[in-house]
């Protein structure tokens, strides 16, 4: 990895894999059974349930967790002028893509863009004790892959797009705590961008060393967080879906690397298991 001058890389004492970008570093402790089949409400339209989820999600993200990420992680935000520059293009539905690097990364992105997000997540996360919190934050479990479940899942996200929701995607798939390089991306979200003809907003969560009062508010190994927003990447639907989906993926991957000060990344944008 080659970095721009002054870029900080934390050392949190973890050995990261070098040959498997999908390795799960944070095992899920399952406490109950969960069905992510065609019976799941991928699109929650019950008025009272929807109100409760959104109210509690906003309360936690905008007040409780907001306090934590500002005091413990010293949250800073850069590039919010991009949101003003592209206000018209980002007034409806769009897709945010960021690195997946710590527990509150999605909340940090939400705070930066000032929009609620719908977030497709690995289904087994909803078998943990955190299922309710994840749901309140807009988490939707990936379907179990059967045709009927996948159809219902896709229809739900088509509707979220039509309603103008922001859809946040962790294209790396799994979280690696405070990892600096950007791992390869999965293609799904970029297929959505082409299908919906909607912009992708690249976001990078970067790290800073603890200084001043923050040394008293957290372990010295745990970095402070800066969220950086980049220029949107737009699909060209006049080109073939296959080629344009790959171009969107590569351009977004490169944009997030650049936001993080990564000049030479050790991982390719697309992972070839062969």
C-alpha atoms as a PDB file:
ATOM      1  CA  UNK A   1       0.000   0.000   0.000  1.00  0.00           C
ATOM      2  CA  UNK A   2       1.195   3.483  -0.888  1.00  0.00           C
ATOM      3  CA  UNK A   3      -0.329   6.446   0.918  1.00  0.00           C
ATOM      4  CA  UNK A   4      -0.307  10.205   0.497  1.00  0.00           C
ATOM      5  CA  UNK A   5       1.906  12.101   2.964  1.00  0.00           C
ATOM      6  CA  UNK A   6       0.387  12.442   6.412  1.00  0.00           C
ATOM      7  CA  UNK A   7      -2.206   9.687   6.053  1.00  0.00           C
ATOM      8  CA  UNK A   8      -2.656   7.910   9.384  1.00  0.00           C
ATOM      9  CA  UNK A   9      -2.926   4.119   9.667  1.00  0.00           C
ATOM     10  CA  UNK A  10      -3.993   2.901  13.118  1.00  0.00           C
ATOM     11  CA  UNK A  11      -2.607  -0.219  14.748  1.00  0.00           C
ATOM     12  CA  UNK A  12      -5.356  -1.890  16.744  1.00  0.00           C
ATOM     13  CA  UNK A  13      -3.488  -5.169  17.176  1.00  0.00           C
ATOM     14  CA  UNK A  14      -5.378  -7.200  14.571  1.00  0.00           C
ATOM     15  CA  UNK A  15      -3.962  -9.537  11.922  1.00  0.00           C
ATOM     16  CA  UNK A  16      -5.928  -8.901   8.765  1.00  0.00           C
ATOM     17  CA  UNK A  17      -6.188 -11.609   6.073  1.00  0.00           C
ATOM     18  CA  UNK A  18      -4.137 -11.057   2.938  1.00  0.00           C
ATOM     19  CA  UNK A  19      -5.825 -13.551   0.609  1.00  0.00           C
ATOM     20  CA  UNK A  20      -9.532 -13.548   1.503  1.00  0.00           C
ATOM     21  CA  UNK A  21     -11.305 -10.156   1.466  1.00  0.00           C
ATOM     22  CA  UNK A  22     -14.576 -11.800   2.554  1.00  0.00           C
ATOM     23  CA  UNK A  23     -13.153 -13.356   5.706  1.00  0.00           C
ATOM     24  CA  UNK A  24     -15.417 -12.702   8.679  1.00  0.00           C
ATOM     25  CA  UNK A  25     -13.381 -11.055  11.440  1.00  0.00           C
ATOM     26  CA  UNK A  26     -16.367 -10.380  13.697  1.00  0.00           C
ATOM     27  CA  UNK A  27     -18.325 -13.595  14.359  1.00  0.00           C
ATOM     28  CA  UNK A  28     -22.040 -13.214  14.975  1.00  0.00           C
ATOM     29  CA  UNK A  29     -23.424 -14.578  18.233  1.00  0.00           C
ATOM     30  CA  UNK A  30     -26.801 -15.986  17.247  1.00  0.00           C
ATOM     31  CA  UNK A  31     -29.475 -15.831  19.916  1.00  0.00           C
ATOM     32  CA  UNK A  32     -32.587 -16.769  17.926  1.00  0.00           C
ATOM     33  CA  UNK A  33     -33.758 -18.214  14.646  1.00  0.00           C
ATOM     34  CA  UNK A  34     -34.482 -15.902  11.779  1.00  0.00           C
ATOM     35  CA  UNK A  35     -36.227 -16.431   8.447  1.00  0.00           C
ATOM     36  CA  UNK A  36     -35.130 -14.212   5.559  1.00  0.00           C
ATOM     37  CA  UNK A  37     -37.384 -15.866   3.031  1.00  0.00           C
ATOM     38  CA  UNK A  38     -40.354 -14.616   1.037  1.00  0.00           C
ATOM     39  CA  UNK A  39     -42.409 -14.194   4.244  1.00  0.00           C
ATOM     40  CA  UNK A  40     -40.138 -11.398   5.521  1.00  0.00           C
ATOM     41  CA  UNK A  41     -41.374  -7.798   5.251  1.00  0.00           C
ATOM     42  CA  UNK A  42     -38.535  -6.385   3.153  1.00  0.00           C
ATOM     43  CA  UNK A  43     -40.816  -3.398   2.633  1.00  0.00           C
ATOM     44  CA  UNK A  44     -42.348  -2.381   5.954  1.00  0.00           C
ATOM     45  CA  UNK A  45     -45.574  -0.466   5.292  1.00  0.00           C
ATOM     46  CA  UNK A  46     -47.517  -0.981   8.519  1.00  0.00           C
ATOM     47  CA  UNK A  47     -47.947   2.667   9.633  1.00  0.00           C
ATOM     48  CA  UNK A  48     -47.412   2.162  13.382  1.00  0.00           C
ATOM     49  CA  UNK A  49     -44.462  -0.230  13.010  1.00  0.00           C
ATOM     50  CA  UNK A  50     -42.872   2.031  10.418  1.00  0.00           C
ATOM     51  CA  UNK A  51     -43.310   5.044  12.702  1.00  0.00           C
ATOM     52  CA  UNK A  52     -41.748   3.248  15.681  1.00  0.00           C
ATOM     53  CA  UNK A  53     -38.747   2.033  13.698  1.00  0.00           C
ATOM     54  CA  UNK A  54     -38.084   5.442  12.174  1.00  0.00           C
ATOM     55  CA  UNK A  55     -38.621   7.341  15.423  1.00  0.00           C
ATOM     56  CA  UNK A  56     -36.360   5.080  17.470  1.00  0.00           C
ATOM     57  CA  UNK A  57     -33.753   4.959  14.694  1.00  0.00           C
ATOM     58  CA  UNK A  58     -33.665   8.743  14.470  1.00  0.00           C
ATOM     59  CA  UNK A  59     -33.562   9.100  18.256  1.00  0.00           C
ATOM     60  CA  UNK A  60     -30.606   6.729  18.559  1.00  0.00           C
ATOM     61  CA  UNK A  61     -28.664   7.934  15.507  1.00  0.00           C
ATOM     62  CA  UNK A  62     -29.230  11.647  15.967  1.00  0.00           C
ATOM     63  CA  UNK A  63     -28.811  11.870  19.721  1.00  0.00           C
ATOM     64  CA  UNK A  64     -27.493   8.834  21.599  1.00  0.00           C
ATOM     65  CA  UNK A  65     -24.986   7.428  19.086  1.00  0.00           C
ATOM     66  CA  UNK A  66     -24.288  10.901  17.753  1.00  0.00           C
ATOM     67  CA  UNK A  67     -22.960  11.777  21.225  1.00  0.00           C
ATOM     68  CA  UNK A  68     -20.751   8.671  21.239  1.00  0.00           C
ATOM     69  CA  UNK A  69     -19.245   9.172  17.788  1.00  0.00           C
ATOM     70  CA  UNK A  70     -18.465  12.814  18.496  1.00  0.00           C
ATOM     71  CA  UNK A  71     -16.993  12.314  21.965  1.00  0.00           C
ATOM     72  CA  UNK A  72     -15.267   8.932  21.669  1.00  0.00           C
ATOM     73  CA  UNK A  73     -14.420   9.037  17.955  1.00  0.00           C
ATOM     74  CA  UNK A  74     -14.117  12.791  17.396  1.00  0.00           C
ATOM     75  CA  UNK A  75     -16.264  12.657  14.286  1.00  0.00           C
ATOM     76  CA  UNK A  76     -15.372  15.201  11.599  1.00  0.00           C
ATOM     77  CA  UNK A  77     -17.016  15.604   8.210  1.00  0.00           C
ATOM     78  CA  UNK A  78     -15.437  16.854   5.004  1.00  0.00           C
ATOM     79  CA  UNK A  79     -16.900  17.380   1.556  1.00  0.00           C
ATOM     80  CA  UNK A  80     -20.442  18.292   2.545  1.00  0.00           C
ATOM     81  CA  UNK A  81     -20.270  21.067  -0.041  1.00  0.00           C
ATOM     82  CA  UNK A  82     -20.679  18.267  -2.601  1.00  0.00           C
ATOM     83  CA  UNK A  83     -24.216  17.756  -1.319  1.00  0.00           C
ATOM     84  CA  UNK A  84     -24.995  21.416  -2.056  1.00  0.00           C
ATOM     85  CA  UNK A  85     -23.262  21.348  -5.444  1.00  0.00           C
ATOM     86  CA  UNK A  86     -25.342  18.352  -6.549  1.00  0.00           C
ATOM     87  CA  UNK A  87     -28.478  19.218  -4.610  1.00  0.00           C
ATOM     88  CA  UNK A  88     -30.775  18.586  -7.573  1.00  0.00           C
ATOM     89  CA  UNK A  89     -29.157  15.266  -8.561  1.00  0.00           C
ATOM     90  CA  UNK A  90     -29.189  14.063  -4.930  1.00  0.00           C
ATOM     91  CA  UNK A  91     -32.661  15.288  -4.048  1.00  0.00           C
ATOM     92  CA  UNK A  92     -34.194  11.869  -4.657  1.00  0.00           C
ATOM     93  CA  UNK A  93     -32.900   8.357  -4.313  1.00  0.00           C
ATOM     94  CA  UNK A  94     -29.195   7.648  -4.576  1.00  0.00           C
ATOM     95  CA  UNK A  95     -26.717   5.037  -3.383  1.00  0.00           C
ATOM     96  CA  UNK A  96     -23.960   5.742  -0.876  1.00  0.00           C
ATOM     97  CA  UNK A  97     -20.964   3.385  -0.819  1.00  0.00           C
ATOM     98  CA  UNK A  98     -18.290   3.453   1.895  1.00  0.00           C
ATOM     99  CA  UNK A  99     -15.634   1.306   3.479  1.00  0.00           C
ATOM    100  CA  UNK A 100     -16.929  -0.993   6.244  1.00  0.00           C
ATOM    101  CA  UNK A 101     -14.623  -0.387   9.188  1.00  0.00           C
ATOM    102  CA  UNK A 102     -16.290  -0.073  12.586  1.00  0.00           C
ATOM    103  CA  UNK A 103     -19.478  -0.468  14.540  1.00  0.00           C
ATOM    104  CA  UNK A 104     -20.932   2.976  13.882  1.00  0.00           C
ATOM    105  CA  UNK A 105     -19.770   3.529  10.302  1.00  0.00           C
ATOM    106  CA  UNK A 106     -23.286   3.649   8.858  1.00  0.00           C
ATOM    107  CA  UNK A 107     -24.365   6.163  11.505  1.00  0.00           C
ATOM    108  CA  UNK A 108     -21.353   8.330  10.615  1.00  0.00           C
ATOM    109  CA  UNK A 109     -22.419   8.337   6.971  1.00  0.00           C
ATOM    110  CA  UNK A 110     -25.983   9.137   7.957  1.00  0.00           C
ATOM    111  CA  UNK A 111     -24.767  12.080  10.038  1.00  0.00           C
ATOM    112  CA  UNK A 112     -22.661  13.350   7.136  1.00  0.00           C
ATOM    113  CA  UNK A 113     -25.387  13.281   4.474  1.00  0.00           C
ATOM    114  CA  UNK A 114     -28.222  14.225   6.863  1.00  0.00           C
ATOM    115  CA  UNK A 115     -30.543  11.606   5.404  1.00  0.00           C
ATOM    116  CA  UNK A 116     -32.089   8.417   6.709  1.00  0.00           C
ATOM    117  CA  UNK A 117     -30.764   5.357   4.879  1.00  0.00           C
ATOM    118  CA  UNK A 118     -31.992   1.900   3.931  1.00  0.00           C
ATOM    119  CA  UNK A 119     -29.146  -0.598   4.358  1.00  0.00           C
ATOM    120  CA  UNK A 120     -29.023  -4.149   2.936  1.00  0.00           C
ATOM    121  CA  UNK A 121     -27.167  -6.294   5.482  1.00  0.00           C
ATOM    122  CA  UNK A 122     -25.988  -9.862   5.921  1.00  0.00           C
ATOM    123  CA  UNK A 123     -28.978 -11.818   7.140  1.00  0.00           C
ATOM    124  CA  UNK A 124     -27.313 -13.565  10.068  1.00  0.00           C
ATOM    125  CA  UNK A 125     -26.776 -10.188  11.764  1.00  0.00           C
ATOM    126  CA  UNK A 126     -30.518 -10.223  12.415  1.00  0.00           C
ATOM    127  CA  UNK A 127     -30.129 -13.443  14.408  1.00  0.00           C
ATOM    128  CA  UNK A 128     -28.050 -11.551  16.954  1.00  0.00           C
ATOM    129  CA  UNK A 129     -29.269  -9.528  19.916  1.00  0.00           C
ATOM    130  CA  UNK A 130     -28.858  -6.385  17.805  1.00  0.00           C
ATOM    131  CA  UNK A 131     -31.627  -7.231  15.319  1.00  0.00           C
ATOM    132  CA  UNK A 132     -34.032  -4.569  16.603  1.00  0.00           C
ATOM    133  CA  UNK A 133     -31.422  -1.802  16.557  1.00  0.00           C
ATOM    134  CA  UNK A 134     -30.355  -2.763  13.031  1.00  0.00           C
ATOM    135  CA  UNK A 135     -33.969  -2.662  11.867  1.00  0.00           C
ATOM    136  CA  UNK A 136     -34.525   0.765  13.433  1.00  0.00           C
ATOM    137  CA  UNK A 137     -31.471   2.069  11.572  1.00  0.00           C
ATOM    138  CA  UNK A 138     -32.954   0.931   8.259  1.00  0.00           C
ATOM    139  CA  UNK A 139     -31.276  -2.456   8.051  1.00  0.00           C
ATOM    140  CA  UNK A 140     -32.832  -4.978   5.662  1.00  0.00           C
ATOM    141  CA  UNK A 141     -31.536  -8.579   5.631  1.00  0.00           C
ATOM    142  CA  UNK A 142     -30.333  -9.988   2.344  1.00  0.00           C
ATOM    143  CA  UNK A 143     -32.713 -12.672   1.110  1.00  0.00           C
ATOM    144  CA  UNK A 144     -31.872 -16.354   1.467  1.00  0.00           C
ATOM    145  CA  UNK A 145     -31.290 -16.595  -2.277  1.00  0.00           C
ATOM    146  CA  UNK A 146     -34.345 -18.579  -3.274  1.00  0.00           C
ATOM    147  CA  UNK A 147     -36.123 -17.214  -6.333  1.00  0.00           C
ATOM    148  CA  UNK A 148     -39.253 -16.184  -4.436  1.00  0.00           C
ATOM    149  CA  UNK A 149     -37.312 -14.443  -1.637  1.00  0.00           C
ATOM    150  CA  UNK A 150     -34.913 -12.749  -4.040  1.00  0.00           C
ATOM    151  CA  UNK A 151     -37.831 -11.470  -6.116  1.00  0.00           C
ATOM    152  CA  UNK A 152     -39.518  -9.960  -3.055  1.00  0.00           C
ATOM    153  CA  UNK A 153     -36.225  -8.437  -1.863  1.00  0.00           C
ATOM    154  CA  UNK A 154     -35.577  -6.845  -5.271  1.00  0.00           C
ATOM    155  CA  UNK A 155     -39.136  -5.546  -5.541  1.00  0.00           C
ATOM    156  CA  UNK A 156     -38.781  -3.916  -2.126  1.00  0.00           C
ATOM    157  CA  UNK A 157     -35.609  -2.077  -3.099  1.00  0.00           C
ATOM    158  CA  UNK A 158     -37.152  -1.011  -6.400  1.00  0.00           C
ATOM    159  CA  UNK A 159     -39.897   0.572  -4.319  1.00  0.00           C
ATOM    160  CA  UNK A 160     -37.413   2.221  -1.924  1.00  0.00           C
ATOM    161  CA  UNK A 161     -35.802   3.781  -4.982  1.00  0.00           C
ATOM    162  CA  UNK A 162     -39.152   4.992  -6.322  1.00  0.00           C
ATOM    163  CA  UNK A 163     -39.879   6.580  -2.930  1.00  0.00           C
ATOM    164  CA  UNK A 164     -36.634   8.540  -3.017  1.00  0.00           C
ATOM    165  CA  UNK A 165     -34.818   6.724  -0.210  1.00  0.00           C
ATOM    166  CA  UNK A 166     -31.041   6.817   0.175  1.00  0.00           C
ATOM    167  CA  UNK A 167     -29.648   3.284   0.011  1.00  0.00           C
ATOM    168  CA  UNK A 168     -26.342   2.711   1.773  1.00  0.00           C
ATOM    169  CA  UNK A 169     -24.208  -0.221   0.657  1.00  0.00           C
ATOM    170  CA  UNK A 170     -21.116  -1.742   2.237  1.00  0.00           C
ATOM    171  CA  UNK A 171     -19.767  -3.133  -1.006  1.00  0.00           C
ATOM    172  CA  UNK A 172     -16.882  -4.822   0.844  1.00  0.00           C
ATOM    173  CA  UNK A 173     -19.587  -7.021   2.456  1.00  0.00           C
ATOM    174  CA  UNK A 174     -17.915  -7.564   5.860  1.00  0.00           C
ATOM    175  CA  UNK A 175     -16.509  -5.236   8.495  1.00  0.00           C
ATOM    176  CA  UNK A 176     -12.765  -5.224   9.256  1.00  0.00           C
ATOM    177  CA  UNK A 177     -12.201  -2.961  12.272  1.00  0.00           C
ATOM    178  CA  UNK A 178     -10.151   0.145  11.419  1.00  0.00           C
ATOM    179  CA  UNK A 179      -8.640  -1.420   8.304  1.00  0.00           C
ATOM    180  CA  UNK A 180      -7.066   1.160   5.998  1.00  0.00           C
ATOM    181  CA  UNK A 181      -6.878  -0.434   2.510  1.00  0.00           C
ATOM    182  CA  UNK A 182     -10.074  -0.731   0.502  1.00  0.00           C
ATOM    183  CA  UNK A 183     -11.111  -4.303  -0.211  1.00  0.00           C
ATOM    184  CA  UNK A 184     -12.761  -5.485  -3.458  1.00  0.00           C
ATOM    185  CA  UNK A 185     -16.395  -4.618  -4.069  1.00  0.00           C
ATOM    186  CA  UNK A 186     -19.394  -6.838  -4.682  1.00  0.00           C
ATOM    187  CA  UNK A 187     -21.308  -5.916  -7.862  1.00  0.00           C
ATOM    188  CA  UNK A 188     -24.917  -5.809  -6.631  1.00  0.00           C
ATOM    189  CA  UNK A 189     -25.250  -2.126  -5.741  1.00  0.00           C
ATOM    190  CA  UNK A 190     -23.701  -1.012  -9.024  1.00  0.00           C
ATOM    191  CA  UNK A 191     -26.225  -3.100 -10.921  1.00  0.00           C
ATOM    192  CA  UNK A 192     -28.915  -1.204  -8.993  1.00  0.00           C
ATOM    193  CA  UNK A 193     -27.393   2.152  -9.956  1.00  0.00           C
ATOM    194  CA  UNK A 194     -27.564   1.207 -13.628  1.00  0.00           C
ATOM    195  CA  UNK A 195     -31.077  -0.241 -13.332  1.00  0.00           C
ATOM    196  CA  UNK A 196     -32.428   2.826 -11.537  1.00  0.00           C
ATOM    197  CA  UNK A 197     -30.224   5.362 -13.352  1.00  0.00           C
ATOM    198  CA  UNK A 198     -29.318   6.933 -10.018  1.00  0.00           C
ATOM    199  CA  UNK A 199     -26.021   8.419  -8.774  1.00  0.00           C
ATOM    200  CA  UNK A 200     -23.543   6.741  -6.460  1.00  0.00           C
ATOM    201  CA  UNK A 201     -22.031   8.880  -3.706  1.00  0.00           C
ATOM    202  CA  UNK A 202     -18.539   7.668  -2.660  1.00  0.00           C
ATOM    203  CA  UNK A 203     -17.748   8.060   1.041  1.00  0.00           C
ATOM    204  CA  UNK A 204     -14.545   7.255   2.919  1.00  0.00           C
ATOM    205  CA  UNK A 205     -14.125   6.847   6.655  1.00  0.00           C
ATOM    206  CA  UNK A 206     -10.542   7.840   7.439  1.00  0.00           C
ATOM    207  CA  UNK A 207      -8.584   7.816  10.680  1.00  0.00           C
ATOM    208  CA  UNK A 208      -6.782  10.337  12.862  1.00  0.00           C
ATOM    209  CA  UNK A 209      -4.565   9.738  15.907  1.00  0.00           C
ATOM    210  CA  UNK A 210      -5.980  10.599  19.305  1.00  0.00           C
ATOM    211  CA  UNK A 211      -5.009  14.046  20.509  1.00  0.00           C
ATOM    212  CA  UNK A 212      -5.891  16.373  23.359  1.00  0.00           C
ATOM    213  CA  UNK A 213      -8.990  15.544  25.357  1.00  0.00           C
ATOM    214  CA  UNK A 214      -9.702  12.516  23.156  1.00  0.00           C
ATOM    215  CA  UNK A 215      -6.784  10.698  24.787  1.00  0.00           C
ATOM    216  CA  UNK A 216      -8.914  10.574  27.928  1.00  0.00           C
ATOM    217  CA  UNK A 217     -12.070   9.415  26.147  1.00  0.00           C
ATOM    218  CA  UNK A 218     -10.859   6.228  24.484  1.00  0.00           C
ATOM    219  CA  UNK A 219      -8.035   3.726  24.104  1.00  0.00           C
ATOM    220  CA  UNK A 220      -4.987   5.179  22.383  1.00  0.00           C
ATOM    221  CA  UNK A 221      -5.105   2.401  19.744  1.00  0.00           C
ATOM    222  CA  UNK A 222      -8.618   3.368  18.627  1.00  0.00           C
ATOM    223  CA  UNK A 223      -8.476   6.199  16.081  1.00  0.00           C
ATOM    224  CA  UNK A 224     -10.653   9.235  15.608  1.00  0.00           C
ATOM    225  CA  UNK A 225     -12.892   9.254  12.527  1.00  0.00           C
ATOM    226  CA  UNK A 226     -13.197  11.617   9.574  1.00  0.00           C
ATOM    227  CA  UNK A 227     -15.972  11.091   7.017  1.00  0.00           C
ATOM    228  CA  UNK A 228     -15.099  12.363   3.541  1.00  0.00           C
ATOM    229  CA  UNK A 229     -17.706  12.761   0.803  1.00  0.00           C
ATOM    230  CA  UNK A 230     -16.656  12.600  -2.840  1.00  0.00           C
ATOM    231  CA  UNK A 231     -18.165  13.692  -6.145  1.00  0.00           C
ATOM    232  CA  UNK A 232     -21.060  11.489  -7.325  1.00  0.00           C
ATOM    233  CA  UNK A 233     -20.488   8.802  -9.936  1.00  0.00           C
ATOM    234  CA  UNK A 234     -23.253   8.742 -12.550  1.00  0.00           C
ATOM    235  CA  UNK A 235     -24.346   5.777 -14.689  1.00  0.00           C
ATOM    236  CA  UNK A 236     -24.515   5.965 -18.467  1.00  0.00           C
ATOM    237  CA  UNK A 237     -27.496   3.831 -19.418  1.00  0.00           C
ATOM    238  CA  UNK A 238     -26.730   4.209 -23.125  1.00  0.00           C
ATOM    239  CA  UNK A 239     -23.941   1.687 -22.610  1.00  0.00           C
ATOM    240  CA  UNK A 240     -24.297  -2.032 -21.948  1.00  0.00           C
ATOM    241  CA  UNK A 241     -25.331  -3.064 -18.465  1.00  0.00           C
ATOM    242  CA  UNK A 242     -22.362  -5.390 -17.984  1.00  0.00           C
ATOM    243  CA  UNK A 243     -19.696  -2.896 -19.028  1.00  0.00           C
ATOM    244  CA  UNK A 244     -21.267   0.061 -17.261  1.00  0.00           C
ATOM    245  CA  UNK A 245     -21.804  -1.836 -14.021  1.00  0.00           C
ATOM    246  CA  UNK A 246     -18.119  -2.720 -13.958  1.00  0.00           C
ATOM    247  CA  UNK A 247     -17.134   0.859 -14.787  1.00  0.00           C
ATOM    248  CA  UNK A 248     -19.309   2.198 -11.943  1.00  0.00           C
ATOM    249  CA  UNK A 249     -17.702  -0.257  -9.530  1.00  0.00           C
ATOM    250  CA  UNK A 250     -14.139   0.571 -10.565  1.00  0.00           C
ATOM    251  CA  UNK A 251     -14.702   4.345 -10.596  1.00  0.00           C
ATOM    252  CA  UNK A 252     -16.377   4.271  -7.175  1.00  0.00           C
ATOM    253  CA  UNK A 253     -13.612   2.094  -5.725  1.00  0.00           C
ATOM    254  CA  UNK A 254     -10.962   4.466  -7.065  1.00  0.00           C
ATOM    255  CA  UNK A 255     -12.850   7.505  -5.744  1.00  0.00           C
ATOM    256  CA  UNK A 256     -13.053   6.075  -2.226  1.00  0.00           C
ATOM    257  CA  UNK A 257      -9.347   5.196  -2.311  1.00  0.00           C
ATOM    258  CA  UNK A 258      -8.541   8.755  -3.342  1.00  0.00           C
ATOM    259  CA  UNK A 259     -10.710  10.175  -0.547  1.00  0.00           C
ATOM    260  CA  UNK A 260      -8.732   8.050   1.916  1.00  0.00           C
ATOM    261  CA  UNK A 261      -5.353   9.148   0.600  1.00  0.00           C
ATOM    262  CA  UNK A 262      -4.615   5.705  -0.832  1.00  0.00           C
ATOM    263  CA  UNK A 263      -2.332   6.054  -3.851  1.00  0.00           C
ATOM    264  CA  UNK A 264      -1.680   2.348  -4.387  1.00  0.00           C
ATOM    265  CA  UNK A 265      -4.183  -0.108  -2.948  1.00  0.00           C
ATOM    266  CA  UNK A 266      -3.177  -3.748  -2.255  1.00  0.00           C
ATOM    267  CA  UNK A 267      -6.582  -5.112  -3.340  1.00  0.00           C
ATOM    268  CA  UNK A 268      -8.124  -4.961  -6.836  1.00  0.00           C
ATOM    269  CA  UNK A 269     -11.571  -3.341  -7.245  1.00  0.00           C
ATOM    270  CA  UNK A 270     -13.059  -6.707  -8.241  1.00  0.00           C
ATOM    271  CA  UNK A 271     -12.063  -9.963  -6.576  1.00  0.00           C
ATOM    272  CA  UNK A 272     -11.275 -12.885  -8.822  1.00  0.00           C
ATOM    273  CA  UNK A 273     -11.285 -16.030  -6.686  1.00  0.00           C
ATOM    274  CA  UNK A 274      -9.512 -17.973  -9.421  1.00  0.00           C
END
